[in-house]
Each structure stands twice: as structure tokens, then as C-alpha cells.
Amino acid sequence: MTVELTGVAPPAWFAELADALAAAWGAMKLLPLDNANYCAFELMLARPGAVAYMTERLECDGAVGLTFVLPDGPHRLWVRPDCADCGSSARALGSAE
């Protein structure tokens, strides 16, 4: 699984969807999101049923792109089944380069 927060963090690869969602939520909850975005992303990434929900979305759509807005403008959270461009350079979200 690959998770990317455009304009915030480079793509990061995870063996399991649950780990990818946990890392995405760990990064997202530190951002200056408004209350509606915070609650929506918490629901989609961290609440019971999040893995089942994302699994269904990935099966239907192939990748999931969700928009969120920060003070500098819109960004997207991408969840993809793989990352052809990441190779061995993929790092965990929030890790030092």
C-alpha cells in the first residue's frame, strides 16, 4: 500500500492497509485541519470499519484520493495499492529524509 499527502509528505509504502491508514491518520491529525475535515478523516482512517471501508473503495476505484484544505491551499491524501515510482526510497510518513 502507498500513502501520499501531496505537498505535505512524499509517498510512503506499507505492507498492510491497516498500517498505511494508521500512518496517514498519524500525519493528518497533526495538520491544521478544520473540524469537519478532522472528523471526516478520522472516520475514514482511524475508526472501526476504516480498513473495510478503504478496502471497498480501493476494489471499486483502484486508488482513493481525498481532498483536504490547509492554509496554503488544497492538498490530497492518496491511498494506492502499490507505488511503482517509490522503489526503495519510500519512507514512513513523517520520517526524516
C-alpha atoms as a PDB file:
ATOM      1  CA  MET A   1       0.000   0.000   0.000  1.00  0.00           C
ATOM      2  CA  THR A   2       1.159   3.511  -0.707  1.00  0.00           C
ATOM      3  CA  VAL A   3       0.035   6.651   1.084  1.00  0.00           C
ATOM      4  CA  GLU A   4       0.863  10.181  -0.035  1.00  0.00           C
ATOM      5  CA  LEU A   5      -0.114  13.586   1.313  1.00  0.00           C
ATOM      6  CA  THR A   6       0.517  15.871  -1.657  1.00  0.00           C
ATOM      7  CA  GLY A   7       2.517  18.934  -0.740  1.00  0.00           C
ATOM      8  CA  VAL A   8       2.938  17.598   2.809  1.00  0.00           C
ATOM      9  CA  ALA A   9       4.764  14.247   2.715  1.00  0.00           C
ATOM     10  CA  PRO A  10       6.273  12.059  -0.024  1.00  0.00           C
ATOM     11  CA  PRO A  11       4.784   8.660  -0.827  1.00  0.00           C
ATOM     12  CA  ALA A  12       5.300   6.016   1.848  1.00  0.00           C
ATOM     13  CA  TRP A  13       4.915   2.254   1.335  1.00  0.00           C
ATOM     14  CA  PHE A  14       3.307  -0.164   3.797  1.00  0.00           C
ATOM     15  CA  ALA A  15       2.784  -3.916   3.617  1.00  0.00           C
ATOM     16  CA  GLU A  16      -0.695  -3.712   5.162  1.00  0.00           C
ATOM     17  CA  LEU A  17      -3.600  -1.341   4.568  1.00  0.00           C
ATOM     18  CA  ALA A  18      -4.199  -1.001   8.323  1.00  0.00           C
ATOM     19  CA  ASP A  19      -0.627   0.248   8.798  1.00  0.00           C
ATOM     20  CA  ALA A  20      -0.979   2.663   5.881  1.00  0.00           C
ATOM     21  CA  LEU A  21      -4.191   4.121   7.294  1.00  0.00           C
ATOM     22  CA  ALA A  22      -2.707   4.419  10.792  1.00  0.00           C
ATOM     23  CA  ALA A  23       0.316   6.293   9.430  1.00  0.00           C
ATOM     24  CA  ALA A  24      -1.877   8.539   7.293  1.00  0.00           C
ATOM     25  CA  TRP A  25      -4.060   9.398  10.278  1.00  0.00           C
ATOM     26  CA  GLY A  26      -0.982   9.943  12.437  1.00  0.00           C
ATOM     27  CA  ALA A  27       0.224  12.583   9.967  1.00  0.00           C
ATOM     28  CA  MET A  28      -3.203  14.059   9.159  1.00  0.00           C
ATOM     29  CA  LYS A  29      -4.214  14.661  12.782  1.00  0.00           C
ATOM     30  CA  LEU A  30      -1.167  16.905  13.247  1.00  0.00           C
ATOM     31  CA  LEU A  31      -2.196  19.190  10.382  1.00  0.00           C
ATOM     32  CA  PRO A  32      -4.240  22.373  10.909  1.00  0.00           C
ATOM     33  CA  LEU A  33      -7.474  20.832   9.591  1.00  0.00           C
ATOM     34  CA  ASP A  34     -10.837  22.433  10.247  1.00  0.00           C
ATOM     35  CA  ASN A  35     -13.185  20.446  12.476  1.00  0.00           C
ATOM     36  CA  ALA A  36     -15.193  18.975   9.570  1.00  0.00           C
ATOM     37  CA  ASN A  37     -12.078  17.671   7.798  1.00  0.00           C
ATOM     38  CA  TYR A  38     -10.589  16.389  11.049  1.00  0.00           C
ATOM     39  CA  CYS A  39     -13.740  14.398  11.855  1.00  0.00           C
ATOM     40  CA  ALA A  40     -14.139  13.096   8.289  1.00  0.00           C
ATOM     41  CA  PHE A  41     -10.541  11.901   8.018  1.00  0.00           C
ATOM     42  CA  GLU A  42     -10.644  10.366  11.486  1.00  0.00           C
ATOM     43  CA  LEU A  43     -13.747   8.444  10.429  1.00  0.00           C
ATOM     44  CA  MET A  44     -12.184   7.225   7.166  1.00  0.00           C
ATOM     45  CA  LEU A  45      -8.732   6.419   8.567  1.00  0.00           C
ATOM     46  CA  ALA A  46      -8.930   5.578  12.258  1.00  0.00           C
ATOM     47  CA  ARG A  47     -12.377   4.454  13.349  1.00  0.00           C
ATOM     48  CA  PRO A  48     -13.617   0.852  13.448  1.00  0.00           C
ATOM     49  CA  GLY A  49     -14.520  -0.139   9.922  1.00  0.00           C
ATOM     50  CA  ALA A  50     -11.921   2.135   8.296  1.00  0.00           C
ATOM     51  CA  VAL A  51      -9.974  -0.774   6.788  1.00  0.00           C
ATOM     52  CA  ALA A  52     -13.143  -2.361   5.396  1.00  0.00           C
ATOM     53  CA  TYR A  53     -14.296   0.987   4.002  1.00  0.00           C
ATOM     54  CA  MET A  54     -10.967   1.687   2.282  1.00  0.00           C
ATOM     55  CA  THR A  55     -10.709  -1.886   1.014  1.00  0.00           C
ATOM     56  CA  GLU A  56     -14.089  -1.476  -0.665  1.00  0.00           C
ATOM     57  CA  ARG A  57     -13.124   1.905  -2.140  1.00  0.00           C
ATOM     58  CA  LEU A  58      -9.835   0.507  -3.449  1.00  0.00           C
ATOM     59  CA  GLU A  59     -11.589  -2.503  -5.005  1.00  0.00           C
ATOM     60  CA  CYS A  60     -14.111  -0.232  -6.733  1.00  0.00           C
ATOM     61  CA  ASP A  61     -11.870   2.676  -7.729  1.00  0.00           C
ATOM     62  CA  GLY A  62      -8.322   1.287  -7.792  1.00  0.00           C
ATOM     63  CA  ALA A  63      -6.998   4.260  -5.781  1.00  0.00           C
ATOM     64  CA  VAL A  64      -8.526   6.669  -3.298  1.00  0.00           C
ATOM     65  CA  GLY A  65      -7.853  10.409  -3.494  1.00  0.00           C
ATOM     66  CA  LEU A  66      -9.360  12.622  -0.795  1.00  0.00           C
ATOM     67  CA  THR A  67      -9.011  16.410  -0.816  1.00  0.00           C
ATOM     68  CA  PHE A  68      -8.298  18.466   2.287  1.00  0.00           C
ATOM     69  CA  VAL A  69      -7.556  22.161   2.656  1.00  0.00           C
ATOM     70  CA  LEU A  70      -4.696  23.722   4.589  1.00  0.00           C
ATOM     71  CA  PRO A  71      -3.895  27.418   4.921  1.00  0.00           C
ATOM     72  CA  ASP A  72      -1.674  27.215   1.804  1.00  0.00           C
ATOM     73  CA  GLY A  73      -4.442  25.661  -0.309  1.00  0.00           C
ATOM     74  CA  PRO A  74      -5.850  22.264  -1.275  1.00  0.00           C
ATOM     75  CA  HIS A  75      -3.939  19.006  -0.887  1.00  0.00           C
ATOM     76  CA  ARG A  76      -4.830  15.343  -1.469  1.00  0.00           C
ATOM     77  CA  LEU A  77      -4.436  12.193   0.515  1.00  0.00           C
ATOM     78  CA  TRP A  78      -3.788   9.328  -1.884  1.00  0.00           C
ATOM     79  CA  VAL A  79      -4.095   5.671  -0.928  1.00  0.00           C
ATOM     80  CA  ARG A  80      -2.958   3.276  -3.660  1.00  0.00           C
ATOM     81  CA  PRO A  81      -2.458  -0.482  -3.755  1.00  0.00           C
ATOM     82  CA  ASP A  82       1.173  -0.044  -4.861  1.00  0.00           C
ATOM     83  CA  CYS A  83       3.717   2.582  -5.786  1.00  0.00           C
ATOM     84  CA  ALA A  84       5.632   1.941  -8.987  1.00  0.00           C
ATOM     85  CA  ASP A  85       7.546   5.228  -8.561  1.00  0.00           C
ATOM     86  CA  CYS A  86       8.577   4.729  -4.924  1.00  0.00           C
ATOM     87  CA  GLY A  87      11.079   1.906  -5.186  1.00  0.00           C
ATOM     88  CA  SER A  88      13.380   1.552  -2.205  1.00  0.00           C
ATOM     89  CA  SER A  89      13.280   5.289  -1.475  1.00  0.00           C
ATOM     90  CA  ALA A  90       9.832   5.159   0.143  1.00  0.00           C
ATOM     91  CA  ARG A  91       9.868   6.216   3.789  1.00  0.00           C
ATOM     92  CA  ALA A  92       7.359   6.207   6.573  1.00  0.00           C
ATOM     93  CA  LEU A  93       5.230   9.343   6.770  1.00  0.00           C
ATOM     94  CA  GLY A  94       6.911  11.921   8.953  1.00  0.00           C
ATOM     95  CA  SER A  95      10.330  10.222   8.942  1.00  0.00           C
ATOM     96  CA  ALA A  96      13.496  12.214   8.379  1.00  0.00           C
ATOM     97  CA  GLU A  97      14.876  12.282   4.858  1.00  0.00           C
END
